[in-house]
Amino acid sequence: MEPARLVGLRTFASVADDILVRPPRRGGTRIVAVDGGSAAGKSTFAARLAGALATTVVHTDDVAWWESFFGWTPLLVEGVLEPLLEGCPVRFRPPAWEARERGGAIVAEPGPAVVVEGVGAGRQELAGYLDHLIWVDTDRQLAYERGLARPGEDPGFWREWELEEEAHFARDRPWERADLLVSNDPPPPPDPERQLRVIEAATWRVEDRPR
């Protein structure tokens, strides 16, 4: 696979400034999606961006818990996005949380911005809700190795998920709509807590399935 062409370094603070300078699509809260393949580093990236925006992160994995891999769009819209855009605080317990007695809730407050992170966060179905879309790119083999290194990860489940993810991205191609493309491949930026690497084009391809 050809490496992504590096455009340069930016700071999370400068990306936050770019997001906040643009008026929200609707209401007073900007919805910022951080999308990318599994184990691309989205959660870490989203947490650092949320820190720069002084806001919280909603993880699509929480919305999708015990749902179909990609059938959770209505739950995210009705339980999280619509309330935020109406200026209401979110304390959402998806149906599977109730059915399986999972504690807690998905919590978010309306404000200048909220970050939504996860595979599919930038999907076409959500385009009308998103103010900013960031694609976190990474080498698929590297991401696969990272993912399987997580405690308790099941290789069989990973392969099942990978096929669903491939089908989704082949249809949806969110990187083509992204406002910003960033790379999470090594080497990291000199100051990864503050800096990110911007790239010219995404490298994610179906034919690059990990070995």
N, C-alpha and C. Protein backbone atom coordinates (compact mmCIF):
# COMPACT_ATOMS: atom_id res chain seq x y z
N MET A 1 0.84 -1.19 0.00
CA MET A 1 0.00 0.00 0.00
C MET A 1 0.87 1.24 0.00
N GLU A 2 0.53 2.20 -0.84
CA GLU A 2 1.25 3.46 -0.87
C GLU A 2 0.94 4.26 0.40
N PRO A 3 1.98 4.83 1.04
CA PRO A 3 1.71 5.65 2.23
C PRO A 3 0.96 6.92 1.86
N ALA A 4 0.18 7.43 2.83
CA ALA A 4 -0.54 8.67 2.60
C ALA A 4 0.46 9.82 2.50
N ARG A 5 0.22 10.75 1.60
CA ARG A 5 1.11 11.89 1.46
C ARG A 5 0.82 12.88 2.57
N LEU A 6 1.86 13.22 3.31
CA LEU A 6 1.73 14.12 4.45
C LEU A 6 1.61 15.55 3.98
N VAL A 7 0.62 16.25 4.50
CA VAL A 7 0.47 17.67 4.23
C VAL A 7 1.24 18.48 5.26
N GLY A 8 1.15 18.08 6.52
CA GLY A 8 1.88 18.79 7.56
C GLY A 8 1.29 18.54 8.93
N LEU A 9 1.82 19.24 9.91
CA LEU A 9 1.36 19.14 11.28
C LEU A 9 0.38 20.26 11.60
N ARG A 10 -0.60 19.93 12.42
CA ARG A 10 -1.51 20.93 12.97
C ARG A 10 -1.66 20.66 14.46
N THR A 11 -2.22 21.61 15.16
CA THR A 11 -2.53 21.40 16.57
C THR A 11 -4.02 21.13 16.72
N PHE A 12 -4.36 20.41 17.79
CA PHE A 12 -5.77 20.20 18.08
C PHE A 12 -6.47 21.53 18.35
N ALA A 13 -5.75 22.46 18.94
CA ALA A 13 -6.33 23.78 19.21
C ALA A 13 -6.72 24.48 17.92
N SER A 14 -5.88 24.37 16.87
CA SER A 14 -6.21 25.05 15.61
C SER A 14 -7.39 24.39 14.92
N VAL A 15 -7.49 23.05 15.03
CA VAL A 15 -8.66 22.36 14.46
C VAL A 15 -9.92 22.78 15.20
N ALA A 16 -9.83 22.87 16.52
CA ALA A 16 -10.98 23.32 17.31
C ALA A 16 -11.39 24.72 16.89
N ASP A 17 -10.43 25.60 16.65
CA ASP A 17 -10.75 26.96 16.21
C ASP A 17 -11.50 26.94 14.88
N ASP A 18 -11.05 26.09 13.95
CA ASP A 18 -11.71 25.99 12.65
C ASP A 18 -13.16 25.52 12.80
N ILE A 19 -13.37 24.58 13.71
CA ILE A 19 -14.72 24.06 13.93
C ILE A 19 -15.61 25.14 14.51
N LEU A 20 -15.12 25.86 15.49
CA LEU A 20 -15.95 26.82 16.23
C LEU A 20 -16.20 28.11 15.45
N VAL A 21 -15.34 28.40 14.48
CA VAL A 21 -15.55 29.64 13.73
C VAL A 21 -16.72 29.51 12.76
N ARG A 22 -17.08 28.27 12.41
CA ARG A 22 -18.20 28.05 11.49
C ARG A 22 -19.49 27.94 12.27
N PRO A 23 -20.56 28.64 11.84
CA PRO A 23 -21.82 28.53 12.57
C PRO A 23 -22.38 27.12 12.51
N PRO A 24 -23.08 26.68 13.56
CA PRO A 24 -23.65 25.33 13.54
C PRO A 24 -24.72 25.19 12.47
N ARG A 25 -24.85 23.98 11.98
CA ARG A 25 -25.85 23.69 10.95
C ARG A 25 -27.26 23.95 11.48
N ARG A 26 -27.44 23.63 12.76
CA ARG A 26 -28.78 23.75 13.35
C ARG A 26 -28.63 23.88 14.85
N GLY A 27 -29.43 24.72 15.45
CA GLY A 27 -29.35 24.89 16.90
C GLY A 27 -28.05 25.55 17.29
N GLY A 28 -27.60 25.31 18.51
CA GLY A 28 -26.39 25.94 19.00
C GLY A 28 -25.22 25.01 19.18
N THR A 29 -25.42 23.71 18.91
CA THR A 29 -24.37 22.72 19.14
C THR A 29 -23.84 22.17 17.82
N ARG A 30 -22.55 22.28 17.61
CA ARG A 30 -21.92 21.70 16.43
C ARG A 30 -21.66 20.22 16.70
N ILE A 31 -22.04 19.36 15.76
CA ILE A 31 -21.79 17.93 15.88
C ILE A 31 -20.55 17.60 15.05
N VAL A 32 -19.52 17.11 15.74
CA VAL A 32 -18.23 16.81 15.11
C VAL A 32 -18.05 15.29 15.10
N ALA A 33 -17.99 14.69 13.92
CA ALA A 33 -17.83 13.25 13.79
C ALA A 33 -16.36 12.90 13.58
N VAL A 34 -15.90 11.89 14.30
CA VAL A 34 -14.56 11.33 14.12
C VAL A 34 -14.74 9.88 13.68
N ASP A 35 -14.47 9.61 12.42
CA ASP A 35 -14.69 8.29 11.82
C ASP A 35 -13.35 7.69 11.41
N GLY A 36 -13.35 6.40 11.11
CA GLY A 36 -12.16 5.69 10.69
C GLY A 36 -12.34 4.21 10.95
N GLY A 37 -11.42 3.41 10.47
CA GLY A 37 -11.51 1.97 10.67
C GLY A 37 -11.27 1.57 12.11
N SER A 38 -11.57 0.33 12.42
CA SER A 38 -11.34 -0.19 13.77
C SER A 38 -9.87 -0.09 14.15
N ALA A 39 -9.62 0.30 15.39
CA ALA A 39 -8.27 0.42 15.94
C ALA A 39 -7.42 1.44 15.19
N ALA A 40 -8.08 2.42 14.57
CA ALA A 40 -7.33 3.48 13.87
C ALA A 40 -6.79 4.53 14.83
N GLY A 41 -7.26 4.52 16.06
CA GLY A 41 -6.86 5.55 17.02
C GLY A 41 -7.89 6.64 17.18
N LYS A 42 -9.13 6.35 16.79
CA LYS A 42 -10.19 7.36 16.84
C LYS A 42 -10.49 7.84 18.26
N SER A 43 -10.55 6.90 19.20
CA SER A 43 -10.93 7.28 20.57
C SER A 43 -9.91 8.24 21.18
N THR A 44 -8.63 7.95 20.99
CA THR A 44 -7.59 8.84 21.52
C THR A 44 -7.65 10.19 20.83
N PHE A 45 -7.79 10.16 19.50
CA PHE A 45 -7.90 11.41 18.75
C PHE A 45 -9.11 12.22 19.22
N ALA A 46 -10.25 11.55 19.34
CA ALA A 46 -11.48 12.24 19.75
C ALA A 46 -11.34 12.85 21.14
N ALA A 47 -10.69 12.14 22.05
CA ALA A 47 -10.51 12.67 23.40
C ALA A 47 -9.64 13.92 23.38
N ARG A 48 -8.59 13.92 22.58
CA ARG A 48 -7.72 15.10 22.50
C ARG A 48 -8.45 16.27 21.85
N LEU A 49 -9.23 15.98 20.80
CA LEU A 49 -10.00 17.05 20.17
C LEU A 49 -11.05 17.60 21.12
N ALA A 50 -11.73 16.71 21.83
CA ALA A 50 -12.74 17.15 22.80
C ALA A 50 -12.11 18.03 23.87
N GLY A 51 -10.87 17.70 24.27
CA GLY A 51 -10.18 18.55 25.23
C GLY A 51 -9.97 19.95 24.69
N ALA A 52 -9.59 20.05 23.42
CA ALA A 52 -9.38 21.35 22.80
C ALA A 52 -10.70 22.11 22.65
N LEU A 53 -11.79 21.38 22.48
CA LEU A 53 -13.11 22.00 22.33
C LEU A 53 -13.81 22.20 23.68
N ALA A 54 -13.21 21.69 24.74
CA ALA A 54 -13.81 21.75 26.08
C ALA A 54 -15.20 21.12 26.08
N THR A 55 -15.28 19.91 25.52
CA THR A 55 -16.56 19.22 25.44
C THR A 55 -16.36 17.73 25.74
N THR A 56 -17.40 16.94 25.50
CA THR A 56 -17.38 15.51 25.77
C THR A 56 -17.44 14.72 24.46
N VAL A 57 -17.21 13.40 24.59
CA VAL A 57 -17.25 12.49 23.45
C VAL A 57 -18.39 11.50 23.64
N VAL A 58 -19.18 11.32 22.60
CA VAL A 58 -20.18 10.24 22.54
C VAL A 58 -19.59 9.15 21.66
N HIS A 59 -19.52 7.92 22.18
CA HIS A 59 -18.95 6.80 21.44
C HIS A 59 -20.07 5.99 20.79
N THR A 60 -19.98 5.80 19.48
CA THR A 60 -21.02 5.02 18.81
C THR A 60 -21.04 3.57 19.30
N ASP A 61 -19.91 3.07 19.81
CA ASP A 61 -19.90 1.72 20.37
C ASP A 61 -20.90 1.59 21.52
N ASP A 62 -21.09 2.66 22.27
CA ASP A 62 -22.07 2.62 23.37
C ASP A 62 -23.49 2.61 22.83
N VAL A 63 -23.74 3.39 21.78
CA VAL A 63 -25.07 3.40 21.15
C VAL A 63 -25.36 2.04 20.52
N ALA A 64 -24.33 1.44 19.91
CA ALA A 64 -24.49 0.19 19.16
C ALA A 64 -24.41 -1.06 20.02
N TRP A 65 -24.19 -0.93 21.31
CA TRP A 65 -24.00 -2.07 22.20
C TRP A 65 -25.18 -3.03 22.10
N TRP A 66 -24.90 -4.29 21.72
CA TRP A 66 -25.90 -5.34 21.53
C TRP A 66 -26.96 -4.98 20.48
N GLU A 67 -26.61 -4.09 19.55
CA GLU A 67 -27.42 -3.84 18.36
C GLU A 67 -26.70 -4.47 17.17
N SER A 68 -27.28 -4.38 15.98
CA SER A 68 -26.58 -4.84 14.80
C SER A 68 -25.38 -3.93 14.55
N PHE A 69 -24.39 -4.43 13.81
CA PHE A 69 -23.15 -3.69 13.64
C PHE A 69 -23.38 -2.26 13.15
N PHE A 70 -24.27 -2.08 12.19
CA PHE A 70 -24.47 -0.75 11.62
C PHE A 70 -25.93 -0.32 11.60
N GLY A 71 -26.75 -0.93 12.46
CA GLY A 71 -28.17 -0.60 12.46
C GLY A 71 -28.60 0.35 13.56
N TRP A 72 -27.69 1.17 14.03
CA TRP A 72 -27.95 2.00 15.21
C TRP A 72 -28.21 3.47 14.90
N THR A 73 -28.30 3.83 13.62
CA THR A 73 -28.48 5.25 13.28
C THR A 73 -29.70 5.87 13.96
N PRO A 74 -30.89 5.24 13.93
CA PRO A 74 -32.04 5.87 14.59
C PRO A 74 -31.83 6.10 16.08
N LEU A 75 -31.12 5.18 16.74
CA LEU A 75 -30.86 5.36 18.17
C LEU A 75 -29.99 6.58 18.42
N LEU A 76 -28.94 6.75 17.61
CA LEU A 76 -28.08 7.92 17.78
C LEU A 76 -28.83 9.21 17.50
N VAL A 77 -29.62 9.21 16.44
CA VAL A 77 -30.36 10.42 16.07
C VAL A 77 -31.38 10.79 17.14
N GLU A 78 -32.22 9.82 17.51
CA GLU A 78 -33.32 10.12 18.42
C GLU A 78 -32.87 10.28 19.86
N GLY A 79 -31.83 9.50 20.25
CA GLY A 79 -31.42 9.53 21.64
C GLY A 79 -30.38 10.57 21.97
N VAL A 80 -29.59 10.99 20.95
CA VAL A 80 -28.46 11.88 21.22
C VAL A 80 -28.52 13.15 20.38
N LEU A 81 -28.54 13.02 19.05
CA LEU A 81 -28.37 14.19 18.20
C LEU A 81 -29.55 15.15 18.25
N GLU A 82 -30.76 14.63 18.13
CA GLU A 82 -31.93 15.51 18.16
C GLU A 82 -32.03 16.28 19.48
N PRO A 83 -31.90 15.62 20.63
CA PRO A 83 -31.93 16.39 21.88
C PRO A 83 -30.87 17.48 21.94
N LEU A 84 -29.63 17.15 21.53
CA LEU A 84 -28.57 18.16 21.56
C LEU A 84 -28.92 19.36 20.68
N LEU A 85 -29.44 19.09 19.49
CA LEU A 85 -29.74 20.17 18.57
C LEU A 85 -30.95 20.98 19.01
N GLU A 86 -31.74 20.41 19.91
CA GLU A 86 -32.86 21.16 20.49
C GLU A 86 -32.46 21.87 21.79
N GLY A 87 -31.17 21.76 22.13
CA GLY A 87 -30.67 22.44 23.32
C GLY A 87 -30.93 21.71 24.61
N CYS A 88 -31.17 20.40 24.53
CA CYS A 88 -31.49 19.61 25.72
C CYS A 88 -30.31 18.74 26.13
N PRO A 89 -30.07 18.58 27.42
CA PRO A 89 -29.03 17.66 27.86
C PRO A 89 -29.43 16.21 27.55
N VAL A 90 -28.43 15.38 27.33
CA VAL A 90 -28.66 13.98 26.97
C VAL A 90 -28.28 13.08 28.14
N ARG A 91 -29.20 12.21 28.49
CA ARG A 91 -28.91 11.08 29.39
C ARG A 91 -29.70 9.91 28.82
N PHE A 92 -29.06 9.20 27.91
CA PHE A 92 -29.73 8.22 27.06
C PHE A 92 -29.33 6.80 27.43
N ARG A 93 -30.33 5.96 27.64
CA ARG A 93 -30.12 4.54 27.85
C ARG A 93 -30.78 3.78 26.70
N PRO A 94 -29.96 3.32 25.72
CA PRO A 94 -30.54 2.57 24.61
C PRO A 94 -31.31 1.35 25.11
N PRO A 95 -32.23 0.84 24.28
CA PRO A 95 -33.04 -0.30 24.70
C PRO A 95 -32.24 -1.50 25.19
N ALA A 96 -31.11 -1.81 24.54
CA ALA A 96 -30.31 -2.96 24.96
C ALA A 96 -29.71 -2.74 26.35
N TRP A 97 -29.45 -1.50 26.72
CA TRP A 97 -28.94 -1.22 28.06
C TRP A 97 -30.00 -1.59 29.10
N GLU A 98 -31.23 -1.24 28.81
CA GLU A 98 -32.32 -1.57 29.73
C GLU A 98 -32.53 -3.08 29.77
N ALA A 99 -32.58 -3.71 28.59
CA ALA A 99 -32.87 -5.14 28.53
C ALA A 99 -31.80 -5.97 29.22
N ARG A 100 -30.55 -5.51 29.15
CA ARG A 100 -29.44 -6.28 29.71
C ARG A 100 -28.92 -5.67 31.01
N GLU A 101 -29.66 -4.70 31.52
CA GLU A 101 -29.37 -4.11 32.82
C GLU A 101 -27.96 -3.54 32.92
N ARG A 102 -27.53 -2.89 31.84
CA ARG A 102 -26.25 -2.18 31.88
C ARG A 102 -26.43 -0.90 32.68
N GLY A 103 -25.49 -0.62 33.53
CA GLY A 103 -25.59 0.59 34.34
C GLY A 103 -25.20 1.84 33.59
N GLY A 104 -25.54 2.98 34.16
CA GLY A 104 -25.13 4.27 33.61
C GLY A 104 -25.97 4.73 32.44
N ALA A 105 -25.41 5.66 31.68
CA ALA A 105 -26.13 6.24 30.54
C ALA A 105 -25.12 6.94 29.64
N ILE A 106 -25.54 7.20 28.43
CA ILE A 106 -24.78 8.04 27.50
C ILE A 106 -25.14 9.49 27.83
N VAL A 107 -24.14 10.26 28.19
CA VAL A 107 -24.39 11.61 28.71
C VAL A 107 -23.68 12.64 27.83
N ALA A 108 -24.37 13.72 27.51
CA ALA A 108 -23.77 14.84 26.78
C ALA A 108 -24.57 16.10 27.07
N GLU A 109 -23.90 17.22 27.01
CA GLU A 109 -24.54 18.50 27.26
C GLU A 109 -24.51 19.35 25.99
N PRO A 110 -25.60 20.08 25.69
CA PRO A 110 -25.53 21.01 24.57
C PRO A 110 -24.51 22.10 24.86
N GLY A 111 -23.91 22.60 23.82
CA GLY A 111 -22.89 23.62 23.98
C GLY A 111 -22.30 23.95 22.62
N PRO A 112 -21.14 24.57 22.58
CA PRO A 112 -20.56 24.92 21.28
C PRO A 112 -20.33 23.72 20.37
N ALA A 113 -19.97 22.56 20.95
CA ALA A 113 -19.70 21.37 20.13
C ALA A 113 -19.79 20.11 20.98
N VAL A 114 -20.10 18.99 20.32
CA VAL A 114 -20.01 17.65 20.91
C VAL A 114 -19.34 16.76 19.87
N VAL A 115 -18.42 15.91 20.32
CA VAL A 115 -17.72 14.99 19.43
C VAL A 115 -18.40 13.62 19.46
N VAL A 116 -18.70 13.08 18.28
CA VAL A 116 -19.25 11.73 18.14
C VAL A 116 -18.19 10.88 17.46
N GLU A 117 -17.75 9.82 18.14
CA GLU A 117 -16.62 9.02 17.67
C GLU A 117 -17.02 7.58 17.45
N GLY A 118 -16.52 6.99 16.34
CA GLY A 118 -16.72 5.57 16.12
C GLY A 118 -16.79 5.23 14.65
N VAL A 119 -16.64 3.94 14.35
CA VAL A 119 -16.79 3.48 12.97
C VAL A 119 -18.23 3.76 12.53
N GLY A 120 -18.39 4.53 11.48
CA GLY A 120 -19.71 4.89 11.01
C GLY A 120 -20.22 6.23 11.51
N ALA A 121 -19.44 6.92 12.35
CA ALA A 121 -19.89 8.21 12.88
C ALA A 121 -20.10 9.24 11.78
N GLY A 122 -19.37 9.09 10.66
CA GLY A 122 -19.51 10.03 9.57
C GLY A 122 -20.33 9.52 8.41
N ARG A 123 -21.14 8.51 8.65
CA ARG A 123 -21.90 7.87 7.58
C ARG A 123 -22.86 8.86 6.89
N GLN A 124 -23.17 8.53 5.63
CA GLN A 124 -24.01 9.40 4.81
C GLN A 124 -25.36 9.67 5.46
N GLU A 125 -25.91 8.69 6.13
CA GLU A 125 -27.22 8.86 6.78
C GLU A 125 -27.22 9.99 7.80
N LEU A 126 -26.06 10.33 8.32
CA LEU A 126 -25.96 11.36 9.35
C LEU A 126 -25.51 12.71 8.80
N ALA A 127 -25.31 12.80 7.49
CA ALA A 127 -24.72 14.00 6.91
C ALA A 127 -25.50 15.26 7.27
N GLY A 128 -26.81 15.16 7.36
CA GLY A 128 -27.62 16.32 7.67
C GLY A 128 -27.48 16.81 9.10
N TYR A 129 -26.83 16.02 9.94
CA TYR A 129 -26.64 16.40 11.34
C TYR A 129 -25.22 16.87 11.65
N LEU A 130 -24.29 16.57 10.75
CA LEU A 130 -22.88 16.79 11.06
C LEU A 130 -22.41 18.16 10.59
N ASP A 131 -21.69 18.84 11.47
CA ASP A 131 -21.08 20.11 11.12
C ASP A 131 -19.64 19.94 10.65
N HIS A 132 -18.99 18.89 11.10
CA HIS A 132 -17.58 18.69 10.77
C HIS A 132 -17.30 17.19 10.83
N LEU A 133 -16.60 16.68 9.81
CA LEU A 133 -16.26 15.27 9.74
C LEU A 133 -14.75 15.11 9.60
N ILE A 134 -14.16 14.32 10.49
CA ILE A 134 -12.73 14.04 10.46
C ILE A 134 -12.54 12.54 10.25
N TRP A 135 -11.70 12.19 9.28
CA TRP A 135 -11.37 10.79 9.03
C TRP A 135 -9.98 10.51 9.60
N VAL A 136 -9.89 9.52 10.49
CA VAL A 136 -8.61 9.10 11.06
C VAL A 136 -8.14 7.88 10.27
N ASP A 137 -7.09 8.06 9.51
CA ASP A 137 -6.59 7.04 8.60
C ASP A 137 -5.47 6.25 9.26
N THR A 138 -5.38 4.97 8.93
CA THR A 138 -4.25 4.16 9.41
C THR A 138 -4.09 2.94 8.52
N ASP A 139 -2.91 2.38 8.53
CA ASP A 139 -2.64 1.16 7.79
C ASP A 139 -3.49 0.02 8.37
N ARG A 140 -4.16 -0.74 7.50
CA ARG A 140 -5.11 -1.74 7.99
C ARG A 140 -4.42 -2.88 8.71
N GLN A 141 -3.26 -3.30 8.24
CA GLN A 141 -2.55 -4.37 8.93
C GLN A 141 -2.13 -3.92 10.33
N LEU A 142 -1.64 -2.70 10.43
CA LEU A 142 -1.24 -2.17 11.72
C LEU A 142 -2.44 -2.07 12.66
N ALA A 143 -3.57 -1.61 12.13
CA ALA A 143 -4.78 -1.50 12.95
C ALA A 143 -5.23 -2.88 13.43
N TYR A 144 -5.15 -3.86 12.54
CA TYR A 144 -5.53 -5.24 12.90
C TYR A 144 -4.67 -5.74 14.06
N GLU A 145 -3.38 -5.51 13.97
CA GLU A 145 -2.47 -5.95 15.03
C GLU A 145 -2.76 -5.21 16.34
N ARG A 146 -3.04 -3.93 16.23
CA ARG A 146 -3.40 -3.15 17.42
C ARG A 146 -4.68 -3.71 18.06
N GLY A 147 -5.65 -3.97 17.20
CA GLY A 147 -6.94 -4.43 17.71
C GLY A 147 -6.83 -5.76 18.43
N LEU A 148 -6.11 -6.70 17.83
CA LEU A 148 -5.98 -8.02 18.45
C LEU A 148 -5.12 -7.99 19.71
N ALA A 149 -4.34 -6.94 19.87
CA ALA A 149 -3.53 -6.81 21.08
C ALA A 149 -4.34 -6.31 22.27
N ARG A 150 -5.58 -5.87 22.03
CA ARG A 150 -6.42 -5.42 23.13
C ARG A 150 -6.78 -6.60 24.03
N PRO A 151 -6.85 -6.40 25.33
CA PRO A 151 -7.20 -7.50 26.23
C PRO A 151 -8.56 -8.10 25.89
N GLY A 152 -8.62 -9.43 25.78
CA GLY A 152 -9.88 -10.13 25.58
C GLY A 152 -10.41 -10.11 24.16
N GLU A 153 -9.64 -9.59 23.20
CA GLU A 153 -10.14 -9.52 21.83
C GLU A 153 -10.21 -10.92 21.21
N ASP A 154 -11.29 -11.18 20.47
CA ASP A 154 -11.54 -12.48 19.86
C ASP A 154 -11.24 -12.39 18.36
N PRO A 155 -10.24 -13.10 17.84
CA PRO A 155 -9.92 -13.02 16.41
C PRO A 155 -11.10 -13.40 15.52
N GLY A 156 -11.91 -14.37 15.95
CA GLY A 156 -13.06 -14.77 15.14
C GLY A 156 -14.07 -13.66 15.02
N PHE A 157 -14.36 -13.00 16.13
CA PHE A 157 -15.29 -11.87 16.09
C PHE A 157 -14.71 -10.74 15.26
N TRP A 158 -13.41 -10.52 15.38
CA TRP A 158 -12.77 -9.43 14.63
C TRP A 158 -12.96 -9.65 13.13
N ARG A 159 -12.77 -10.89 12.67
CA ARG A 159 -12.94 -11.17 11.24
C ARG A 159 -14.38 -10.95 10.80
N GLU A 160 -15.32 -11.37 11.63
CA GLU A 160 -16.74 -11.15 11.31
C GLU A 160 -17.03 -9.67 11.20
N TRP A 161 -16.53 -8.90 12.17
CA TRP A 161 -16.74 -7.46 12.16
C TRP A 161 -16.06 -6.82 10.95
N GLU A 162 -14.86 -7.29 10.62
CA GLU A 162 -14.09 -6.71 9.53
C GLU A 162 -14.84 -6.78 8.20
N LEU A 163 -15.53 -7.90 7.95
CA LEU A 163 -16.30 -8.04 6.72
C LEU A 163 -17.46 -7.04 6.68
N GLU A 164 -18.12 -6.85 7.82
CA GLU A 164 -19.20 -5.85 7.89
C GLU A 164 -18.65 -4.45 7.69
N GLU A 165 -17.51 -4.18 8.31
CA GLU A 165 -16.88 -2.87 8.17
C GLU A 165 -16.49 -2.60 6.72
N GLU A 166 -15.91 -3.59 6.07
CA GLU A 166 -15.53 -3.45 4.66
C GLU A 166 -16.74 -3.09 3.81
N ALA A 167 -17.82 -3.81 4.01
CA ALA A 167 -19.03 -3.57 3.21
C ALA A 167 -19.55 -2.16 3.45
N HIS A 168 -19.53 -1.74 4.70
CA HIS A 168 -20.00 -0.38 5.03
C HIS A 168 -19.14 0.67 4.33
N PHE A 169 -17.81 0.56 4.48
CA PHE A 169 -16.95 1.59 3.91
C PHE A 169 -16.94 1.56 2.39
N ALA A 170 -17.08 0.36 1.80
CA ALA A 170 -17.14 0.28 0.34
C ALA A 170 -18.36 1.05 -0.20
N ARG A 171 -19.46 1.00 0.54
CA ARG A 171 -20.67 1.74 0.15
C ARG A 171 -20.56 3.22 0.48
N ASP A 172 -20.08 3.52 1.67
CA ASP A 172 -20.27 4.85 2.24
C ASP A 172 -19.11 5.82 1.96
N ARG A 173 -17.88 5.37 1.98
CA ARG A 173 -16.70 6.15 1.67
C ARG A 173 -16.69 7.51 2.37
N PRO A 174 -16.74 7.53 3.70
CA PRO A 174 -16.85 8.80 4.43
C PRO A 174 -15.65 9.71 4.25
N TRP A 175 -14.47 9.16 3.96
CA TRP A 175 -13.29 10.01 3.76
C TRP A 175 -13.47 10.98 2.62
N GLU A 176 -14.35 10.65 1.66
CA GLU A 176 -14.58 11.54 0.52
C GLU A 176 -15.38 12.78 0.93
N ARG A 177 -16.08 12.72 2.07
CA ARG A 177 -16.85 13.86 2.56
C ARG A 177 -16.16 14.57 3.72
N ALA A 178 -15.00 14.06 4.13
CA ALA A 178 -14.36 14.58 5.33
C ALA A 178 -13.86 16.00 5.14
N ASP A 179 -13.96 16.78 6.20
CA ASP A 179 -13.39 18.13 6.23
C ASP A 179 -11.90 18.08 6.52
N LEU A 180 -11.45 16.99 7.13
CA LEU A 180 -10.04 16.87 7.51
C LEU A 180 -9.66 15.40 7.49
N LEU A 181 -8.51 15.09 6.89
CA LEU A 181 -7.96 13.73 6.86
C LEU A 181 -6.69 13.74 7.70
N VAL A 182 -6.62 12.84 8.67
CA VAL A 182 -5.43 12.78 9.51
C VAL A 182 -4.91 11.34 9.54
N SER A 183 -3.61 11.19 9.78
CA SER A 183 -2.99 9.87 9.83
C SER A 183 -2.60 9.52 11.25
N ASN A 184 -2.86 8.25 11.61
CA ASN A 184 -2.42 7.75 12.91
C ASN A 184 -1.33 6.69 12.75
N ASP A 185 -0.68 6.67 11.59
CA ASP A 185 0.44 5.75 11.38
C ASP A 185 1.70 6.32 12.04
N PRO A 186 2.62 5.45 12.45
CA PRO A 186 3.88 5.95 13.00
C PRO A 186 4.72 6.61 11.89
N PRO A 187 5.64 7.50 12.27
CA PRO A 187 5.93 7.93 13.65
C PRO A 187 4.90 8.95 14.13
N PRO A 188 4.68 9.05 15.44
CA PRO A 188 3.75 10.04 15.95
C PRO A 188 4.31 11.45 15.79
N PRO A 189 3.47 12.46 15.88
CA PRO A 189 3.97 13.84 15.85
C PRO A 189 4.92 14.09 17.02
N PRO A 190 5.73 15.11 16.95
CA PRO A 190 6.64 15.41 18.05
C PRO A 190 5.95 15.58 19.39
N ASP A 191 4.74 16.15 19.37
CA ASP A 191 3.97 16.35 20.60
C ASP A 191 2.56 15.80 20.38
N PRO A 192 2.37 14.48 20.48
CA PRO A 192 1.08 13.88 20.10
C PRO A 192 -0.09 14.33 20.95
N GLU A 193 0.14 14.83 22.13
CA GLU A 193 -0.97 15.34 22.95
C GLU A 193 -1.55 16.62 22.35
N ARG A 194 -0.74 17.34 21.62
CA ARG A 194 -1.16 18.63 21.08
C ARG A 194 -1.24 18.65 19.56
N GLN A 195 -0.54 17.74 18.89
CA GLN A 195 -0.38 17.82 17.45
C GLN A 195 -0.97 16.62 16.73
N LEU A 196 -1.30 16.80 15.46
CA LEU A 196 -1.81 15.74 14.60
C LEU A 196 -1.20 15.89 13.22
N ARG A 197 -1.18 14.77 12.49
CA ARG A 197 -0.61 14.78 11.14
C ARG A 197 -1.75 14.82 10.11
N VAL A 198 -1.75 15.83 9.26
CA VAL A 198 -2.74 15.98 8.21
C VAL A 198 -2.20 15.33 6.93
N ILE A 199 -3.07 14.58 6.25
CA ILE A 199 -2.66 13.90 5.02
C ILE A 199 -3.51 14.37 3.84
N GLU A 200 -3.01 14.07 2.65
CA GLU A 200 -3.64 14.54 1.42
C GLU A 200 -4.82 13.68 1.00
N ALA A 201 -4.73 12.36 1.25
CA ALA A 201 -5.78 11.44 0.81
C ALA A 201 -5.79 10.22 1.72
N ALA A 202 -6.97 9.63 1.89
CA ALA A 202 -7.09 8.43 2.71
C ALA A 202 -6.48 7.23 1.99
N THR A 203 -6.05 6.24 2.77
CA THR A 203 -5.44 5.04 2.19
C THR A 203 -6.30 3.79 2.35
N TRP A 204 -7.45 3.92 3.02
CA TRP A 204 -8.28 2.74 3.33
C TRP A 204 -8.81 2.13 2.03
N ARG A 205 -8.55 0.84 1.82
CA ARG A 205 -9.04 0.13 0.64
C ARG A 205 -9.46 -1.28 1.04
N VAL A 206 -10.51 -1.79 0.41
CA VAL A 206 -10.99 -3.14 0.67
C VAL A 206 -9.90 -4.16 0.39
N GLU A 207 -9.13 -3.95 -0.68
CA GLU A 207 -8.13 -4.94 -1.06
C GLU A 207 -6.95 -5.02 -0.08
N ASP A 208 -6.89 -4.10 0.86
CA ASP A 208 -5.81 -4.13 1.85
C ASP A 208 -6.23 -4.86 3.13
N ARG A 209 -7.12 -5.82 3.00
CA ARG A 209 -7.51 -6.61 4.18
C ARG A 209 -6.29 -7.21 4.84
N PRO A 210 -6.22 -7.12 6.17
CA PRO A 210 -5.06 -7.66 6.88
C PRO A 210 -4.90 -9.15 6.64
N ARG A 211 -3.67 -9.61 6.75
CA ARG A 211 -3.38 -11.03 6.54
C ARG A 211 -3.73 -11.83 7.77
